[in-house]
Amino acid sequence: MSFAAPWLLILLPLPLLLRVWHRGASAVFPALRVPVHIDRAAAPARPLLRSAENRLYAAAWIALVLALAGPRSEAITDIVPASGRDIVLALDLSGSMMKEDFHLDNQPVTRLQAVKKTAATFVAARRGDRIGLVIFGERAYFAAPLTFDVQAVARAIREAQIGISGRGTAISDGLGLAMRRLSDSDAPTRVIVLLSDGVDTSGNVPAPEAAALAAEHGIRVHTIALGPADMEDQPQSRDAVDVATLREIAARSNGQSFRVRSTADLERVAATLDRLEPNPATRPPMRYWRSYWAWPAGLALACLILAEIRRRAWTLT
């Protein structure tokens, strides 16, 4: 508990100081005294009533000064302020994402299962950001619009299935759809996180050129190349990821490129993205003041009303 204006508490002894000054002035200037004849037989003194009335006035003054000083207490809210950042995840749902070459809890899982777990956890922790989800295979579509409801986006990630968007790898289409939605946004920071485990098989515009266009619109693209094999090390592999293209996409849009071969790599990438695009949920909690001036103000008013009632009753008797 504290006061917004504690210096106003110096007003508390003001009535006593005025009373002392008035007595001193009356002693120095006796002409200031006004002779009043009181018929004590007709108007008997009521010291108890006067004493109670004075105490009410004193309590009213103290309560009024306390109200003016602004009693308050500091409180903490769990509300996370908006970060001013829009993020769209562009998630590859091509057929190769069904390959079981990742592990969760020492059990083999598909690439998609590993991505779902990590991506959903990443998104759910981004309170304060607007998050959207683009899914692409042979075609691309928005599975979740940009929203502050990060839990809904995380749920859409967990419910994503192979086959609903075809089994190809339309990287350009997925990137272009995410760009189109973000280009309409007025957020100061706009980011695409593009994850793919294959080679672009769609679109008339090469993905790096689309990334350059994203940079012109102030959109940053981070890319994640997923899978043990890539075209640089194993170009003959059927499931090799085109690391060079994903790296170029990131470079031409002022983003970062990541190479992921395991679940541990995925978790490290999520942590790195949190550093590159600071998570608003990790900010210090918002603090605010709860004001209590109305309580002493109400008490002061009640004391004044009660004192006035007693004064009128004494005057009439």
Protein backbone atom coordinates (compact mmCIF):
# COMPACT_ATOMS: atom_id res chain seq x y z
CA MET A 1 0.00 0.00 0.00
CA SER A 2 1.24 3.47 -0.87
CA PHE A 3 -0.03 6.96 -1.76
CA ALA A 4 -0.07 8.65 -5.15
CA ALA A 5 0.58 12.06 -3.51
CA PRO A 6 1.98 11.37 -0.03
CA TRP A 7 3.08 14.99 0.40
CA LEU A 8 -0.58 15.95 0.86
CA LEU A 9 -0.52 14.21 4.25
CA ILE A 10 1.15 17.33 5.65
CA LEU A 11 -2.34 18.89 5.59
CA LEU A 12 -3.50 16.62 8.43
CA PRO A 13 -2.55 19.01 11.30
CA LEU A 14 -3.87 22.06 9.43
CA PRO A 15 -7.09 22.47 11.55
CA LEU A 16 -5.06 22.37 14.77
CA LEU A 17 -2.62 24.95 13.41
CA LEU A 18 -5.50 27.23 12.40
CA ARG A 19 -7.04 26.89 15.84
CA VAL A 20 -3.80 27.81 17.58
CA TRP A 21 -3.31 30.75 15.21
CA HIS A 22 -6.87 31.96 15.83
CA ARG A 23 -6.35 31.89 19.62
CA GLY A 24 -3.09 33.80 19.30
CA ALA A 25 -4.69 36.39 17.03
CA SER A 26 -7.57 36.84 19.48
CA ALA A 27 -5.13 37.45 22.34
CA VAL A 28 -3.16 40.05 20.37
CA PHE A 29 -6.22 41.73 18.88
CA PRO A 30 -8.99 41.55 21.50
CA ALA A 31 -11.18 43.77 19.31
CA LEU A 32 -11.61 40.79 17.03
CA ARG A 33 -13.74 39.14 19.68
CA VAL A 34 -17.43 39.52 19.16
CA PRO A 35 -19.38 39.76 22.44
CA VAL A 36 -22.23 37.34 22.44
CA HIS A 37 -24.75 37.16 25.26
CA ILE A 38 -25.90 33.66 25.94
CA ASP A 39 -28.69 32.94 28.30
CA ARG A 40 -27.27 29.79 29.86
CA ALA A 41 -30.57 29.04 31.50
CA ALA A 42 -32.36 29.11 28.14
CA ALA A 43 -29.62 27.30 26.21
CA PRO A 44 -27.94 24.76 28.45
CA ALA A 45 -24.51 23.54 27.30
CA ARG A 46 -24.27 20.07 25.86
CA PRO A 47 -20.58 19.22 26.01
CA LEU A 48 -21.06 15.59 25.10
CA LEU A 49 -22.90 16.45 21.90
CA ARG A 50 -20.34 19.10 20.95
CA SER A 51 -17.49 16.72 21.65
CA ALA A 52 -18.98 13.98 19.46
CA GLU A 53 -19.63 16.52 16.69
CA ASN A 54 -16.04 17.74 16.82
CA ARG A 55 -14.76 14.19 16.59
CA LEU A 56 -16.90 13.63 13.48
CA TYR A 57 -15.48 16.76 11.86
CA ALA A 58 -11.96 15.63 12.74
CA ALA A 59 -12.58 12.18 11.28
CA ALA A 60 -14.03 13.76 8.13
CA TRP A 61 -10.93 15.92 7.71
CA ILE A 62 -8.54 13.00 8.18
CA ALA A 63 -10.51 10.84 5.72
CA LEU A 64 -10.62 13.69 3.18
CA VAL A 65 -6.85 14.23 3.33
CA LEU A 66 -6.26 10.48 2.95
CA ALA A 67 -8.53 10.46 -0.12
CA LEU A 68 -6.64 13.40 -1.63
CA ALA A 69 -3.32 11.61 -1.01
CA GLY A 70 -4.57 8.74 -3.19
CA PRO A 71 -4.19 5.43 -1.34
CA ARG A 72 -3.33 2.66 -3.79
CA SER A 73 -1.79 -0.79 -4.07
CA GLU A 74 0.27 -2.34 -6.84
CA ALA A 75 -1.18 -5.34 -8.68
CA ILE A 76 0.08 -7.66 -11.41
CA THR A 77 -1.98 -8.83 -14.36
CA ASP A 78 -1.40 -11.90 -16.51
CA ILE A 79 -2.55 -10.03 -19.62
CA VAL A 80 0.17 -10.03 -22.27
CA PRO A 81 0.34 -6.86 -24.39
CA ALA A 82 0.17 -7.22 -28.17
CA SER A 83 3.67 -7.38 -29.64
CA GLY A 84 2.88 -5.78 -33.00
CA ARG A 85 4.17 -8.92 -34.73
CA ASP A 86 2.30 -11.09 -37.26
CA ILE A 87 3.70 -14.58 -37.88
CA VAL A 88 2.49 -17.08 -40.46
CA LEU A 89 3.68 -20.69 -40.33
CA ALA A 90 3.83 -22.30 -43.78
CA LEU A 91 3.80 -26.04 -43.12
CA ASP A 92 4.69 -28.68 -45.71
CA LEU A 93 2.14 -31.53 -45.77
CA SER A 94 3.57 -33.42 -48.73
CA GLY A 95 3.63 -37.20 -48.77
CA SER A 96 7.27 -37.39 -47.65
CA MET A 97 6.26 -36.00 -44.25
CA MET A 98 4.93 -39.49 -43.46
CA LYS A 99 8.46 -40.92 -43.45
CA GLU A 100 9.42 -42.34 -40.02
CA ASP A 101 12.93 -41.05 -39.45
CA PHE A 102 12.42 -38.92 -36.30
CA HIS A 103 12.10 -39.94 -32.65
CA LEU A 104 9.92 -38.78 -29.77
CA ASP A 105 10.49 -40.24 -26.30
CA ASN A 106 12.84 -42.79 -27.87
CA GLN A 107 10.07 -43.99 -30.19
CA PRO A 108 10.21 -43.66 -34.01
CA VAL A 109 7.67 -41.15 -35.35
CA THR A 110 6.92 -39.53 -38.68
CA ARG A 111 8.37 -36.17 -39.61
CA LEU A 112 4.87 -34.72 -39.39
CA GLN A 113 4.36 -35.98 -35.82
CA ALA A 114 7.63 -34.41 -34.69
CA VAL A 115 6.80 -31.13 -36.43
CA LYS A 116 3.28 -31.06 -34.97
CA LYS A 117 4.54 -31.39 -31.42
CA THR A 118 7.27 -28.77 -31.72
CA ALA A 119 5.28 -26.30 -33.83
CA ALA A 120 2.17 -26.51 -31.65
CA THR A 121 4.25 -25.90 -28.51
CA PHE A 122 6.03 -22.97 -30.20
CA VAL A 123 2.75 -21.36 -31.31
CA ALA A 124 0.92 -21.87 -28.02
CA ALA A 125 3.65 -19.95 -26.19
CA ARG A 126 3.42 -16.91 -28.49
CA ARG A 127 0.70 -15.04 -26.57
CA GLY A 128 0.65 -11.43 -27.73
CA ASP A 129 1.54 -12.27 -31.36
CA ARG A 130 -0.97 -12.77 -34.16
CA ILE A 131 -0.34 -16.21 -35.64
CA GLY A 132 -1.65 -17.76 -38.85
CA LEU A 133 -1.17 -21.18 -40.46
CA VAL A 134 -0.70 -22.01 -44.15
CA ILE A 135 -0.68 -25.67 -45.19
CA PHE A 136 0.66 -26.69 -48.56
CA GLY A 137 1.05 -29.90 -50.51
CA GLU A 138 0.14 -29.80 -54.19
CA ARG A 139 -2.05 -26.82 -53.26
CA ALA A 140 -1.82 -24.22 -50.52
CA TYR A 141 -4.55 -22.86 -48.29
CA PHE A 142 -5.00 -21.03 -45.00
CA ALA A 143 -5.79 -23.49 -42.23
CA ALA A 144 -5.97 -20.69 -39.63
CA PRO A 145 -6.23 -16.92 -40.25
CA LEU A 146 -4.06 -14.46 -38.37
CA THR A 147 -5.37 -14.39 -34.83
CA PHE A 148 -4.36 -13.71 -31.23
CA ASP A 149 -6.01 -17.04 -30.33
CA VAL A 150 -2.74 -18.99 -30.42
CA GLN A 151 -4.40 -22.03 -28.84
CA ALA A 152 -6.72 -22.32 -31.84
CA VAL A 153 -3.74 -22.21 -34.23
CA ALA A 154 -1.90 -24.80 -32.15
CA ARG A 155 -4.98 -27.01 -32.34
CA ALA A 156 -5.10 -26.60 -36.15
CA ILE A 157 -1.46 -27.71 -36.32
CA ARG A 158 -2.16 -30.81 -34.23
CA GLU A 159 -5.15 -31.70 -36.43
CA ALA A 160 -3.32 -31.30 -39.77
CA GLN A 161 -3.32 -34.45 -41.92
CA ILE A 162 -1.39 -35.60 -44.97
CA GLY A 163 -3.45 -35.72 -48.15
CA ILE A 164 -5.94 -32.89 -47.56
CA SER A 165 -3.79 -30.56 -49.68
CA GLY A 166 -2.33 -33.17 -52.06
CA ARG A 167 0.97 -34.97 -51.77
CA GLY A 168 3.22 -32.62 -53.77
CA THR A 169 5.47 -29.84 -52.43
CA ALA A 170 4.13 -26.46 -53.55
CA ILE A 171 6.67 -24.29 -51.70
CA SER A 172 6.11 -21.28 -53.98
CA ASP A 173 2.34 -21.48 -53.55
CA GLY A 174 2.59 -21.78 -49.77
CA LEU A 175 5.03 -18.88 -49.57
CA GLY A 176 2.93 -16.76 -51.93
CA LEU A 177 -0.29 -17.36 -49.97
CA ALA A 178 1.40 -16.41 -46.69
CA MET A 179 2.84 -13.28 -48.33
CA ARG A 180 -0.53 -12.28 -49.72
CA ARG A 181 -2.12 -12.36 -46.28
CA LEU A 182 0.76 -10.54 -44.58
CA SER A 183 0.94 -7.85 -47.28
CA ASP A 184 -2.51 -6.68 -46.09
CA SER A 185 -1.29 -6.44 -42.50
CA ASP A 186 -0.23 -3.14 -40.97
CA ALA A 187 1.82 -4.84 -38.23
CA PRO A 188 5.31 -3.32 -37.89
CA THR A 189 6.88 -6.81 -37.90
CA ARG A 190 5.71 -9.52 -40.32
CA VAL A 191 7.34 -12.93 -40.41
CA ILE A 192 6.89 -16.20 -42.30
CA VAL A 193 8.31 -19.46 -40.91
CA LEU A 194 8.50 -21.86 -43.86
CA LEU A 195 9.07 -25.56 -43.17
CA SER A 196 9.62 -28.09 -45.95
CA ASP A 197 11.22 -31.49 -46.41
CA GLY A 198 11.26 -31.62 -50.22
CA VAL A 199 11.78 -29.84 -53.53
CA ASP A 200 9.45 -27.18 -54.93
CA THR A 201 7.15 -28.76 -57.52
CA SER A 202 4.70 -25.95 -58.20
CA GLY A 203 4.16 -22.43 -59.34
CA ASN A 204 5.31 -20.27 -62.19
CA VAL A 205 7.37 -18.03 -59.90
CA PRO A 206 10.54 -19.54 -58.36
CA ALA A 207 10.43 -19.48 -54.57
CA PRO A 208 13.58 -17.30 -54.21
CA GLU A 209 12.00 -14.63 -56.41
CA ALA A 210 8.89 -14.72 -54.26
CA ALA A 211 11.13 -14.28 -51.21
CA ALA A 212 12.73 -11.20 -52.80
CA LEU A 213 9.24 -9.77 -53.31
CA ALA A 214 8.48 -10.49 -49.64
CA ALA A 215 11.54 -8.47 -48.63
CA GLU A 216 10.28 -5.53 -50.70
CA HIS A 217 7.08 -5.62 -48.64
CA GLY A 218 9.01 -5.77 -45.37
CA ILE A 219 8.24 -9.45 -44.77
CA ARG A 220 10.99 -11.62 -43.31
CA VAL A 221 11.10 -15.36 -44.10
CA HIS A 222 12.80 -17.95 -41.89
CA THR A 223 13.16 -21.38 -43.51
CA ILE A 224 13.53 -24.83 -41.97
CA ALA A 225 14.93 -27.65 -44.13
CA LEU A 226 13.62 -30.89 -42.61
CA GLY A 227 14.94 -34.42 -43.06
CA PRO A 228 18.17 -36.45 -42.75
CA ALA A 229 19.00 -36.30 -46.49
CA ASP A 230 19.44 -33.21 -48.64
CA MET A 231 20.23 -32.59 -52.29
CA GLU A 232 23.70 -31.30 -51.49
CA ASP A 233 24.84 -34.48 -49.69
CA GLN A 234 22.58 -37.10 -51.30
CA PRO A 235 21.20 -35.67 -54.56
CA GLN A 236 20.03 -39.11 -55.68
CA SER A 237 17.83 -39.60 -52.60
CA ARG A 238 14.10 -39.60 -53.32
CA ASP A 239 13.28 -37.75 -50.10
CA ALA A 240 16.14 -35.25 -50.18
CA VAL A 241 15.27 -31.69 -49.14
CA ASP A 242 16.33 -28.76 -51.32
CA VAL A 243 18.48 -27.00 -48.70
CA ALA A 244 20.03 -24.60 -51.22
CA THR A 245 16.66 -23.20 -52.30
CA LEU A 246 15.41 -22.80 -48.73
CA ARG A 247 18.68 -21.12 -47.78
CA GLU A 248 18.32 -18.69 -50.70
CA ILE A 249 14.70 -17.91 -49.74
CA ALA A 250 15.85 -16.92 -46.25
CA ALA A 251 18.83 -14.93 -47.51
CA ARG A 252 16.80 -12.91 -50.04
CA SER A 253 14.17 -12.01 -47.44
CA ASN A 254 16.59 -11.10 -44.61
CA GLY A 255 15.65 -14.21 -42.66
CA GLN A 256 17.52 -17.17 -41.19
CA SER A 257 17.83 -20.69 -42.60
CA PHE A 258 17.90 -23.78 -40.38
CA ARG A 259 18.85 -27.38 -41.07
CA VAL A 260 16.90 -29.96 -39.06
CA ARG A 261 17.75 -33.67 -38.98
CA SER A 262 16.23 -34.70 -35.64
CA THR A 263 13.63 -33.77 -33.04
CA ALA A 264 16.36 -32.19 -30.92
CA ASP A 265 17.25 -29.96 -33.88
CA LEU A 266 13.59 -28.92 -34.16
CA GLU A 267 13.48 -27.92 -30.50
CA ARG A 268 16.69 -25.90 -30.87
CA VAL A 269 15.25 -24.11 -33.90
CA ALA A 270 12.10 -23.21 -31.94
CA ALA A 271 14.26 -21.75 -29.15
CA THR A 272 16.33 -19.80 -31.70
CA LEU A 273 13.22 -18.40 -33.35
CA ASP A 274 12.07 -17.19 -29.93
CA ARG A 275 15.31 -15.24 -29.68
CA LEU A 276 15.15 -13.90 -33.25
CA GLU A 277 11.49 -12.90 -32.84
CA PRO A 278 11.24 -12.15 -29.09
CA ASN A 279 8.31 -13.85 -27.46
CA PRO A 280 5.97 -11.29 -25.85
CA ALA A 281 4.97 -13.86 -23.21
CA THR A 282 8.49 -13.71 -21.77
CA ARG A 283 8.25 -9.99 -21.01
CA PRO A 284 7.91 -8.86 -17.38
CA PRO A 285 4.27 -8.97 -16.23
CA MET A 286 2.22 -5.82 -16.56
CA ARG A 287 1.80 -3.87 -13.33
CA TYR A 288 -0.97 -1.43 -12.50
CA TRP A 289 -2.30 0.49 -9.51
CA ARG A 290 -5.55 -0.24 -7.70
CA SER A 291 -6.88 3.03 -6.30
CA TYR A 292 -8.78 3.20 -3.00
CA TRP A 293 -9.45 6.96 -2.68
CA ALA A 294 -13.21 6.40 -2.90
CA TRP A 295 -13.30 4.63 0.48
CA PRO A 296 -11.88 7.46 2.62
CA ALA A 297 -13.81 9.98 0.50
CA GLY A 298 -17.04 8.13 1.26
CA LEU A 299 -16.13 7.98 4.94
CA ALA A 300 -15.49 11.74 4.97
CA LEU A 301 -18.88 12.41 3.41
CA ALA A 302 -20.62 10.12 5.89
CA CYS A 303 -18.93 11.85 8.83
CA LEU A 304 -19.93 15.30 7.54
CA ILE A 305 -23.55 14.22 7.03
CA LEU A 306 -23.72 12.68 10.51
CA ALA A 307 -22.11 15.75 12.09
CA GLU A 308 -24.61 18.02 10.32
CA ILE A 309 -27.53 15.88 11.51
CA ARG A 310 -26.27 16.08 15.10
CA ARG A 311 -25.72 19.84 14.82
CA ARG A 312 -29.26 20.42 13.55
CA ALA A 313 -30.71 18.18 16.24
CA TRP A 314 -28.80 20.14 18.90
CA THR A 315 -29.92 23.47 17.45
CA LEU A 316 -33.58 22.46 17.43
CA THR A 317 -33.60 21.15 21.02
